Amino acid sequence: MTFTKKQNGAALEICLEGRLDTMTSPELENELKNCLNGADSLIMNCEKLDYISSAGLRVLLTAHKAMMGKGGMRVTHINEIVREVFEVTGFADVLTIE
């Protein structure tokens, strides 16, 4: 998995690409720990995300909780595979998905 960050003032967008799983989620988790303090809002762009595991879901949930007291977190551009994982796990009811 690769990800890129786009900072626009206090708004942070992270574009995910590939697989967010047990092997790749620690890297994203570390990056989020380093950059969320300066962000008022977070967009997780999943346009190129092919797969997400429970480890990836945990990272998204942690980011969601960290952003709740700020401007919030949105998940955008999810494909059908990722959408199905969100729906089966109940994350579709917790996260703001656009």
PDB file of N, CA and C in Angstrom:
ATOM      1  N   MET A   1       0.824  -1.169   0.000  1.00  0.00           N
ATOM      2  CA  MET A   1       0.000   0.000   0.000  1.00  0.00           C
ATOM      3  C   MET A   1       0.874   1.240   0.000  1.00  0.00           C
ATOM      4  N   THR A   2       0.418   2.230  -0.702  1.00  0.00           N
ATOM      5  CA  THR A   2       1.057   3.535  -0.650  1.00  0.00           C
ATOM      6  C   THR A   2      -0.014   4.561  -0.294  1.00  0.00           C
ATOM      7  N   PHE A   3       0.434   5.674   0.239  1.00  0.00           N
ATOM      8  CA  PHE A   3      -0.494   6.757   0.520  1.00  0.00           C
ATOM      9  C   PHE A   3       0.222   8.073   0.312  1.00  0.00           C
ATOM     10  N   THR A   4      -0.556   9.070  -0.055  1.00  0.00           N
ATOM     11  CA  THR A   4      -0.025  10.413  -0.225  1.00  0.00           C
ATOM     12  C   THR A   4      -0.861  11.362   0.620  1.00  0.00           C
ATOM     13  N   LYS A   5      -0.214  12.384   1.119  1.00  0.00           N
ATOM     14  CA  LYS A   5      -0.879  13.395   1.944  1.00  0.00           C
ATOM     15  C   LYS A   5      -0.997  14.681   1.149  1.00  0.00           C
ATOM     16  N   LYS A   6      -2.142  15.332   1.307  1.00  0.00           N
ATOM     17  CA  LYS A   6      -2.360  16.654   0.730  1.00  0.00           C
ATOM     18  C   LYS A   6      -2.867  17.543   1.855  1.00  0.00           C
ATOM     19  N   GLN A   7      -2.092  18.561   2.175  1.00  0.00           N
ATOM     20  CA  GLN A   7      -2.473  19.489   3.246  1.00  0.00           C
ATOM     21  C   GLN A   7      -2.971  20.771   2.606  1.00  0.00           C
ATOM     22  N   ASN A   8      -4.166  21.199   2.997  1.00  0.00           N
ATOM     23  CA  ASN A   8      -4.727  22.465   2.532  1.00  0.00           C
ATOM     24  C   ASN A   8      -5.142  23.241   3.774  1.00  0.00           C
ATOM     25  N   GLY A   9      -4.218  24.041   4.282  1.00  0.00           N
ATOM     26  CA  GLY A   9      -4.459  24.720   5.544  1.00  0.00           C
ATOM     27  C   GLY A   9      -4.524  23.687   6.659  1.00  0.00           C
ATOM     28  N   ALA A  10      -5.624  23.679   7.397  1.00  0.00           N
ATOM     29  CA  ALA A  10      -5.788  22.708   8.486  1.00  0.00           C
ATOM     30  C   ALA A  10      -6.539  21.459   8.033  1.00  0.00           C
ATOM     31  N   ALA A  11      -6.884  21.388   6.736  1.00  0.00           N
ATOM     32  CA  ALA A  11      -7.561  20.207   6.184  1.00  0.00           C
ATOM     33  C   ALA A  11      -6.513  19.252   5.613  1.00  0.00           C
ATOM     34  N   LEU A  12      -6.610  17.999   5.992  1.00  0.00           N
ATOM     35  CA  LEU A  12      -5.669  16.979   5.543  1.00  0.00           C
ATOM     36  C   LEU A  12      -6.419  15.927   4.749  1.00  0.00           C
ATOM     37  N   GLU A  13      -5.899  15.605   3.574  1.00  0.00           N
ATOM     38  CA  GLU A  13      -6.447  14.513   2.766  1.00  0.00           C
ATOM     39  C   GLU A  13      -5.367  13.456   2.598  1.00  0.00           C
ATOM     40  N   ILE A  14      -5.727  12.211   2.871  1.00  0.00           N
ATOM     41  CA  ILE A  14      -4.806  11.096   2.664  1.00  0.00           C
ATOM     42  C   ILE A  14      -5.416  10.195   1.605  1.00  0.00           C
ATOM     43  N   CYS A  15      -4.676   9.996   0.530  1.00  0.00           N
ATOM     44  CA  CYS A  15      -5.118   9.154  -0.575  1.00  0.00           C
ATOM     45  C   CYS A  15      -4.466   7.783  -0.426  1.00  0.00           C
ATOM     46  N   LEU A  16      -5.294   6.754  -0.272  1.00  0.00           N
ATOM     47  CA  LEU A  16      -4.816   5.393  -0.067  1.00  0.00           C
ATOM     48  C   LEU A  16      -4.818   4.633  -1.393  1.00  0.00           C
ATOM     49  N   GLU A  17      -3.802   3.796  -1.573  1.00  0.00           N
ATOM     50  CA  GLU A  17      -3.712   3.007  -2.803  1.00  0.00           C
ATOM     51  C   GLU A  17      -3.199   1.606  -2.471  1.00  0.00           C
ATOM     52  N   GLY A  18      -3.875   0.597  -2.985  1.00  0.00           N
ATOM     53  CA  GLY A  18      -3.439  -0.782  -2.779  1.00  0.00           C
ATOM     54  C   GLY A  18      -4.246  -1.469  -1.697  1.00  0.00           C
ATOM     55  N   ARG A  19      -3.548  -2.179  -0.808  1.00  0.00           N
ATOM     56  CA  ARG A  19      -4.183  -2.982   0.244  1.00  0.00           C
ATOM     57  C   ARG A  19      -3.841  -2.416   1.619  1.00  0.00           C
ATOM     58  N   LEU A  20      -4.860  -2.156   2.406  1.00  0.00           N
ATOM     59  CA  LEU A  20      -4.668  -1.712   3.787  1.00  0.00           C
ATOM     60  C   LEU A  20      -4.957  -2.919   4.673  1.00  0.00           C
ATOM     61  N   ASP A  21      -3.893  -3.582   5.108  1.00  0.00           N
ATOM     62  CA  ASP A  21      -4.036  -4.841   5.839  1.00  0.00           C
ATOM     63  C   ASP A  21      -3.052  -4.899   6.996  1.00  0.00           C
ATOM     64  N   THR A  22      -2.865  -6.067   7.551  1.00  0.00           N
ATOM     65  CA  THR A  22      -1.990  -6.256   8.708  1.00  0.00           C
ATOM     66  C   THR A  22      -0.562  -5.793   8.435  1.00  0.00           C
ATOM     67  N   MET A  23      -0.092  -5.995   7.241  1.00  0.00           N
ATOM     68  CA  MET A  23       1.288  -5.631   6.900  1.00  0.00           C
ATOM     69  C   MET A  23       1.457  -4.131   6.673  1.00  0.00           C
ATOM     70  N   THR A  24       0.438  -3.472   6.158  1.00  0.00           N
ATOM     71  CA  THR A  24       0.584  -2.067   5.767  1.00  0.00           C
ATOM     72  C   THR A  24      -0.040  -1.067   6.738  1.00  0.00           C
ATOM     73  N   SER A  25      -0.963  -1.517   7.566  1.00  0.00           N
ATOM     74  CA  SER A  25      -1.660  -0.582   8.459  1.00  0.00           C
ATOM     75  C   SER A  25      -0.752   0.088   9.493  1.00  0.00           C
ATOM     76  N   PRO A  26       0.306  -0.568  10.003  1.00  0.00           N
ATOM     77  CA  PRO A  26       1.165   0.141  10.965  1.00  0.00           C
ATOM     78  C   PRO A  26       1.814   1.398  10.384  1.00  0.00           C
ATOM     79  N   GLU A  27       2.161   1.369   9.124  1.00  0.00           N
ATOM     80  CA  GLU A  27       2.769   2.548   8.493  1.00  0.00           C
ATOM     81  C   GLU A  27       1.779   3.711   8.449  1.00  0.00           C
ATOM     82  N   LEU A  28       0.546   3.426   8.061  1.00  0.00           N
ATOM     83  CA  LEU A  28      -0.477   4.477   8.031  1.00  0.00           C
ATOM     84  C   LEU A  28      -0.775   4.966   9.446  1.00  0.00           C
ATOM     85  N   GLU A  29      -0.856   4.050  10.386  1.00  0.00           N
ATOM     86  CA  GLU A  29      -1.127   4.424  11.775  1.00  0.00           C
ATOM     87  C   GLU A  29      -0.052   5.367  12.317  1.00  0.00           C
ATOM     88  N   ASN A  30       1.200   5.071  12.046  1.00  0.00           N
ATOM     89  CA  ASN A  30       2.297   5.943  12.486  1.00  0.00           C
ATOM     90  C   ASN A  30       2.211   7.313  11.833  1.00  0.00           C
ATOM     91  N   GLU A  31       1.908   7.334  10.558  1.00  0.00           N
ATOM     92  CA  GLU A  31       1.792   8.615   9.852  1.00  0.00           C
ATOM     93  C   GLU A  31       0.649   9.448  10.433  1.00  0.00           C
ATOM     94  N   LEU A  32      -0.470   8.820  10.713  1.00  0.00           N
ATOM     95  CA  LEU A  32      -1.611   9.551  11.274  1.00  0.00           C
ATOM     96  C   LEU A  32      -1.286  10.109  12.651  1.00  0.00           C
ATOM     97  N   LYS A  33      -0.566   9.359  13.464  1.00  0.00           N
ATOM     98  CA  LYS A  33      -0.174   9.851  14.785  1.00  0.00           C
ATOM     99  C   LYS A  33       0.652  11.120  14.671  1.00  0.00           C
ATOM    100  N   ASN A  34       1.481  11.191  13.633  1.00  0.00           N
ATOM    101  CA  ASN A  34       2.364  12.339  13.452  1.00  0.00           C
ATOM    102  C   ASN A  34       1.669  13.551  12.864  1.00  0.00           C
ATOM    103  N   CYS A  35       0.598  13.358  12.099  1.00  0.00           N
ATOM    104  CA  CYS A  35       0.049  14.512  11.376  1.00  0.00           C
ATOM    105  C   CYS A  35      -1.355  14.930  11.798  1.00  0.00           C
ATOM    106  N   LEU A  36      -2.056  14.164  12.625  1.00  0.00           N
ATOM    107  CA  LEU A  36      -3.428  14.537  12.980  1.00  0.00           C
ATOM    108  C   LEU A  36      -3.514  15.699  13.951  1.00  0.00           C
ATOM    109  N   ASN A  37      -2.498  15.921  14.759  1.00  0.00           N
ATOM    110  CA  ASN A  37      -2.557  17.014  15.725  1.00  0.00           C
ATOM    111  C   ASN A  37      -2.707  18.372  15.054  1.00  0.00           C
ATOM    112  N   GLY A  38      -2.126  18.547  13.878  1.00  0.00           N
ATOM    113  CA  GLY A  38      -2.216  19.827  13.186  1.00  0.00           C
ATOM    114  C   GLY A  38      -3.388  19.932  12.235  1.00  0.00           C
ATOM    115  N   ALA A  39      -4.238  18.899  12.178  1.00  0.00           N
ATOM    116  CA  ALA A  39      -5.356  18.895  11.228  1.00  0.00           C
ATOM    117  C   ALA A  39      -6.674  19.159  11.943  1.00  0.00           C
ATOM    118  N   ASP A  40      -7.513  19.989  11.320  1.00  0.00           N
ATOM    119  CA  ASP A  40      -8.854  20.235  11.838  1.00  0.00           C
ATOM    120  C   ASP A  40      -9.878  19.294  11.214  1.00  0.00           C
ATOM    121  N   SER A  41      -9.581  18.809   9.999  1.00  0.00           N
ATOM    122  CA  SER A  41     -10.471  17.855   9.342  1.00  0.00           C
ATOM    123  C   SER A  41      -9.618  16.873   8.549  1.00  0.00           C
ATOM    124  N   LEU A  42     -10.179  15.685   8.314  1.00  0.00           N
ATOM    125  CA  LEU A  42      -9.449  14.620   7.633  1.00  0.00           C
ATOM    126  C   LEU A  42     -10.339  13.985   6.587  1.00  0.00           C
ATOM    127  N   ILE A  43      -9.792  13.827   5.401  1.00  0.00           N
ATOM    128  CA  ILE A  43     -10.453  13.092   4.326  1.00  0.00           C
ATOM    129  C   ILE A  43      -9.581  11.887   4.010  1.00  0.00           C
ATOM    130  N   MET A  44     -10.182  10.700   4.077  1.00  0.00           N
ATOM    131  CA  MET A  44      -9.503   9.480   3.663  1.00  0.00           C
ATOM    132  C   MET A  44     -10.043   9.139   2.282  1.00  0.00           C
ATOM    133  N   ASN A  45      -9.235   9.395   1.250  1.00  0.00           N
ATOM    134  CA  ASN A  45      -9.640   9.156  -0.129  1.00  0.00           C
ATOM    135  C   ASN A  45      -9.288   7.713  -0.481  1.00  0.00           C
ATOM    136  N   CYS A  46     -10.298   6.894  -0.715  1.00  0.00           N
ATOM    137  CA  CYS A  46     -10.103   5.459  -0.958  1.00  0.00           C
ATOM    138  C   CYS A  46     -10.309   5.081  -2.418  1.00  0.00           C
ATOM    139  N   GLU A  47     -10.178   6.053  -3.310  1.00  0.00           N
ATOM    140  CA  GLU A  47     -10.424   5.804  -4.731  1.00  0.00           C
ATOM    141  C   GLU A  47      -9.574   4.656  -5.271  1.00  0.00           C
ATOM    142  N   LYS A  48      -8.338   4.539  -4.806  1.00  0.00           N
ATOM    143  CA  LYS A  48      -7.436   3.499  -5.315  1.00  0.00           C
ATOM    144  C   LYS A  48      -7.167   2.402  -4.286  1.00  0.00           C
ATOM    145  N   LEU A  49      -7.992   2.346  -3.252  1.00  0.00           N
ATOM    146  CA  LEU A  49      -7.852   1.303  -2.240  1.00  0.00           C
ATOM    147  C   LEU A  49      -8.552   0.044  -2.737  1.00  0.00           C
ATOM    148  N   ASP A  50      -7.801  -1.053  -2.849  1.00  0.00           N
ATOM    149  CA  ASP A  50      -8.330  -2.299  -3.394  1.00  0.00           C
ATOM    150  C   ASP A  50      -8.915  -3.214  -2.326  1.00  0.00           C
ATOM    151  N   TYR A  51      -8.402  -3.113  -1.106  1.00  0.00           N
ATOM    152  CA  TYR A  51      -8.775  -4.072  -0.058  1.00  0.00           C
ATOM    153  C   TYR A  51      -8.523  -3.443   1.294  1.00  0.00           C
ATOM    154  N   ILE A  52      -9.364  -3.792   2.276  1.00  0.00           N
ATOM    155  CA  ILE A  52      -9.138  -3.353   3.647  1.00  0.00           C
ATOM    156  C   ILE A  52      -9.445  -4.520   4.588  1.00  0.00           C
ATOM    157  N   SER A  53      -8.543  -4.763   5.516  1.00  0.00           N
ATOM    158  CA  SER A  53      -8.721  -5.845   6.494  1.00  0.00           C
ATOM    159  C   SER A  53      -9.162  -5.248   7.828  1.00  0.00           C
ATOM    160  N   SER A  54      -9.328  -6.114   8.818  1.00  0.00           N
ATOM    161  CA  SER A  54      -9.717  -5.637  10.149  1.00  0.00           C
ATOM    162  C   SER A  54      -8.643  -4.723  10.737  1.00  0.00           C
ATOM    163  N   ALA A  55      -7.387  -4.971  10.411  1.00  0.00           N
ATOM    164  CA  ALA A  55      -6.310  -4.093  10.892  1.00  0.00           C
ATOM    165  C   ALA A  55      -6.450  -2.696  10.281  1.00  0.00           C
ATOM    166  N   GLY A  56      -6.817  -2.634   9.031  1.00  0.00           N
ATOM    167  CA  GLY A  56      -7.057  -1.344   8.375  1.00  0.00           C
ATOM    168  C   GLY A  56      -8.272  -0.640   8.954  1.00  0.00           C
ATOM    169  N   LEU A  57      -9.319  -1.407   9.253  1.00  0.00           N
ATOM    170  CA  LEU A  57     -10.510  -0.827   9.868  1.00  0.00           C
ATOM    171  C   LEU A  57     -10.181  -0.217  11.220  1.00  0.00           C
ATOM    172  N   ARG A  58      -9.326  -0.887  11.967  1.00  0.00           N
ATOM    173  CA  ARG A  58      -8.924  -0.375  13.282  1.00  0.00           C
ATOM    174  C   ARG A  58      -8.231   0.978  13.147  1.00  0.00           C
ATOM    175  N   VAL A  59      -7.369   1.121  12.138  1.00  0.00           N
ATOM    176  CA  VAL A  59      -6.670   2.392  11.918  1.00  0.00           C
ATOM    177  C   VAL A  59      -7.673   3.488  11.569  1.00  0.00           C
ATOM    178  N   LEU A  60      -8.650   3.168  10.718  1.00  0.00           N
ATOM    179  CA  LEU A  60      -9.660   4.166  10.355  1.00  0.00           C
ATOM    180  C   LEU A  60     -10.500   4.555  11.568  1.00  0.00           C
ATOM    181  N   LEU A  61     -10.847   3.591  12.402  1.00  0.00           N
ATOM    182  CA  LEU A  61     -11.635   3.888  13.591  1.00  0.00           C
ATOM    183  C   LEU A  61     -10.861   4.766  14.568  1.00  0.00           C
ATOM    184  N   THR A  62      -9.589   4.493  14.730  1.00  0.00           N
ATOM    185  CA  THR A  62      -8.739   5.309  15.601  1.00  0.00           C
ATOM    186  C   THR A  62      -8.669   6.746  15.086  1.00  0.00           C
ATOM    187  N   ALA A  63      -8.496   6.900  13.768  1.00  0.00           N
ATOM    188  CA  ALA A  63      -8.457   8.242  13.175  1.00  0.00           C
ATOM    189  C   ALA A  63      -9.802   8.941  13.341  1.00  0.00           C
ATOM    190  N   HIS A  64     -10.874   8.196  13.135  1.00  0.00           N
ATOM    191  CA  HIS A  64     -12.225   8.757  13.302  1.00  0.00           C
ATOM    192  C   HIS A  64     -12.412   9.292  14.720  1.00  0.00           C
ATOM    193  N   LYS A  65     -12.019   8.513  15.715  1.00  0.00           N
ATOM    194  CA  LYS A  65     -12.143   8.939  17.114  1.00  0.00           C
ATOM    195  C   LYS A  65     -11.284  10.164  17.399  1.00  0.00           C
ATOM    196  N   ALA A  66     -10.086  10.217  16.832  1.00  0.00           N
ATOM    197  CA  ALA A  66      -9.191  11.356  17.050  1.00  0.00           C
ATOM    198  C   ALA A  66      -9.758  12.638  16.444  1.00  0.00           C
ATOM    199  N   MET A  67     -10.520  12.507  15.368  1.00  0.00           N
ATOM    200  CA  MET A  67     -11.040  13.687  14.681  1.00  0.00           C
ATOM    201  C   MET A  67     -12.434  14.094  15.156  1.00  0.00           C
ATOM    202  N   MET A  68     -13.052  13.317  16.030  1.00  0.00           N
ATOM    203  CA  MET A  68     -14.418  13.616  16.479  1.00  0.00           C
ATOM    204  C   MET A  68     -14.531  14.971  17.176  1.00  0.00           C
ATOM    205  N   GLY A  69     -13.553  15.376  17.936  1.00  0.00           N
ATOM    206  CA  GLY A  69     -13.602  16.650  18.632  1.00  0.00           C
ATOM    207  C   GLY A  69     -13.187  17.821  17.757  1.00  0.00           C
ATOM    208  N   LYS A  70     -12.827  17.524  16.541  1.00  0.00           N
ATOM    209  CA  LYS A  70     -12.386  18.565  15.604  1.00  0.00           C
ATOM    210  C   LYS A  70     -13.424  18.674  14.495  1.00  0.00           C
ATOM    211  N   GLY A  71     -12.969  18.825  13.271  1.00  0.00           N
ATOM    212  CA  GLY A  71     -13.872  18.959  12.126  1.00  0.00           C
ATOM    213  C   GLY A  71     -14.360  17.647  11.564  1.00  0.00           C
ATOM    214  N   GLY A  72     -13.940  16.524  12.130  1.00  0.00           N
ATOM    215  CA  GLY A  72     -14.422  15.226  11.688  1.00  0.00           C
ATOM    216  C   GLY A  72     -13.565  14.594  10.604  1.00  0.00           C
ATOM    217  N   MET A  73     -13.958  13.374  10.263  1.00  0.00           N
ATOM    218  CA  MET A  73     -13.278  12.602   9.218  1.00  0.00           C
ATOM    219  C   MET A  73     -14.327  12.113   8.229  1.00  0.00           C
ATOM    220  N   ARG A  74     -13.984  12.195   6.950  1.00  0.00           N
ATOM    221  CA  ARG A  74     -14.834  11.672   5.885  1.00  0.00           C
ATOM    222  C   ARG A  74     -14.049  10.636   5.099  1.00  0.00           C
ATOM    223  N   VAL A  75     -14.736   9.603   4.651  1.00  0.00           N
ATOM    224  CA  VAL A  75     -14.147   8.587   3.791  1.00  0.00           C
ATOM    225  C   VAL A  75     -14.795   8.757   2.424  1.00  0.00           C
ATOM    226  N   THR A  76     -13.977   8.939   1.397  1.00  0.00           N
ATOM    227  CA  THR A  76     -14.528   9.230   0.069  1.00  0.00           C
ATOM    228  C   THR A  76     -14.077   8.209  -0.967  1.00  0.00           C
ATOM    229  N   HIS A  77     -14.852   8.122  -2.033  1.00  0.00           N
ATOM    230  CA  HIS A  77     -14.528   7.344  -3.241  1.00  0.00           C
ATOM    231  C   HIS A  77     -14.258   5.867  -2.968  1.00  0.00           C
ATOM    232  N   ILE A  78     -15.119   5.211  -2.196  1.00  0.00           N
ATOM    233  CA  ILE A  78     -14.883   3.794  -1.932  1.00  0.00           C
ATOM    234  C   ILE A  78     -15.480   2.944  -3.052  1.00  0.00           C
ATOM    235  N   ASN A  79     -14.809   1.839  -3.337  1.00  0.00           N
ATOM    236  CA  ASN A  79     -15.318   0.916  -4.352  1.00  0.00           C
ATOM    237  C   ASN A  79     -16.270  -0.087  -3.701  1.00  0.00           C
ATOM    238  N   GLU A  80     -16.839  -0.964  -4.486  1.00  0.00           N
ATOM    239  CA  GLU A  80     -17.830  -1.915  -3.987  1.00  0.00           C
ATOM    240  C   GLU A  80     -17.248  -2.903  -2.983  1.00  0.00           C
ATOM    241  N   ILE A  81     -16.002  -3.324  -3.184  1.00  0.00           N
ATOM    242  CA  ILE A  81     -15.372  -4.286  -2.268  1.00  0.00           C
ATOM    243  C   ILE A  81     -15.211  -3.662  -0.892  1.00  0.00           C
ATOM    244  N   VAL A  82     -14.696  -2.455  -0.842  1.00  0.00           N
ATOM    245  CA  VAL A  82     -14.498  -1.764   0.433  1.00  0.00           C
ATOM    246  C   VAL A  82     -15.849  -1.405   1.047  1.00  0.00           C
ATOM    247  N   ARG A  83     -16.794  -0.987   0.243  1.00  0.00           N
ATOM    248  CA  ARG A  83     -18.133  -0.656   0.739  1.00  0.00           C
ATOM    249  C   ARG A  83     -18.766  -1.883   1.406  1.00  0.00           C
ATOM    250  N   GLU A  84     -18.608  -3.050   0.806  1.00  0.00           N
ATOM    251  CA  GLU A  84     -19.176  -4.267   1.384  1.00  0.00           C
ATOM    252  C   GLU A  84     -18.550  -4.578   2.743  1.00  0.00           C
ATOM    253  N   VAL A  85     -17.240  -4.391   2.870  1.00  0.00           N
ATOM    254  CA  VAL A  85     -16.571  -4.601   4.158  1.00  0.00           C
ATOM    255  C   VAL A  85     -17.126  -3.626   5.189  1.00  0.00           C
ATOM    256  N   PHE A  86     -17.288  -2.364   4.813  1.00  0.00           N
ATOM    257  CA  PHE A  86     -17.843  -1.365   5.732  1.00  0.00           C
ATOM    258  C   PHE A  86     -19.258  -1.749   6.166  1.00  0.00           C
ATOM    259  N   GLU A  87     -20.069  -2.239   5.239  1.00  0.00           N
ATOM    260  CA  GLU A  87     -21.447  -2.588   5.565  1.00  0.00           C
ATOM    261  C   GLU A  87     -21.534  -3.823   6.454  1.00  0.00           C
ATOM    262  N   VAL A  88     -20.755  -4.846   6.136  1.00  0.00           N
ATOM    263  CA  VAL A  88     -20.790  -6.093   6.913  1.00  0.00           C
ATOM    264  C   VAL A  88     -20.297  -5.872   8.338  1.00  0.00           C
ATOM    265  N   THR A  89     -19.307  -5.003   8.505  1.00  0.00           N
ATOM    266  CA  THR A  89     -18.721  -4.775   9.825  1.00  0.00           C
ATOM    267  C   THR A  89     -19.441  -3.695  10.624  1.00  0.00           C
ATOM    268  N   GLY A  90     -20.370  -2.983  10.000  1.00  0.00           N
ATOM    269  CA  GLY A  90     -21.074  -1.905  10.682  1.00  0.00           C
ATOM    270  C   GLY A  90     -20.369  -0.563  10.592  1.00  0.00           C
ATOM    271  N   PHE A  91     -19.227  -0.515   9.940  1.00  0.00           N
ATOM    272  CA  PHE A  91     -18.505   0.743   9.804  1.00  0.00           C
ATOM    273  C   PHE A  91     -19.264   1.744   8.943  1.00  0.00           C
ATOM    274  N   ALA A  92     -20.133   1.268   8.067  1.00  0.00           N
ATOM    275  CA  ALA A  92     -20.924   2.172   7.240  1.00  0.00           C
ATOM    276  C   ALA A  92     -21.849   3.032   8.111  1.00  0.00           C
ATOM    277  N   ASP A  93     -22.189   2.531   9.292  1.00  0.00           N
ATOM    278  CA  ASP A  93     -23.054   3.283  10.205  1.00  0.00           C
ATOM    279  C   ASP A  93     -22.264   4.223  11.100  1.00  0.00           C
ATOM    280  N   VAL A  94     -20.955   4.005  11.218  1.00  0.00           N
ATOM    281  CA  VAL A  94     -20.110   4.790  12.110  1.00  0.00           C
ATOM    282  C   VAL A  94     -19.387   5.906  11.368  1.00  0.00           C
ATOM    283  N   LEU A  95     -18.832   5.587  10.205  1.00  0.00           N
ATOM    284  CA  LEU A  95     -18.044   6.547   9.439  1.00  0.00           C
ATOM    285  C   LEU A  95     -18.919   7.397   8.541  1.00  0.00           C
ATOM    286  N   THR A  96     -18.432   8.589   8.238  1.00  0.00           N
ATOM    287  CA  THR A  96     -19.090   9.443   7.239  1.00  0.00           C
ATOM    288  C   THR A  96     -18.503   9.082   5.890  1.00  0.00           C
ATOM    289  N   ILE A  97     -19.316   8.451   5.045  1.00  0.00           N
ATOM    290  CA  ILE A  97     -18.855   7.965   3.743  1.00  0.00           C
ATOM    291  C   ILE A  97     -19.519   8.781   2.651  1.00  0.00           C
ATOM    292  N   GLU A  98     -18.699   9.301   1.771  1.00  0.00           N
ATOM    293  CA  GLU A  98     -19.201  10.101   0.655  1.00  0.00           C
ATOM    294  C   GLU A  98     -18.773   9.479  -0.658  1.00  0.00           C
TER     295      GLU A  98
END
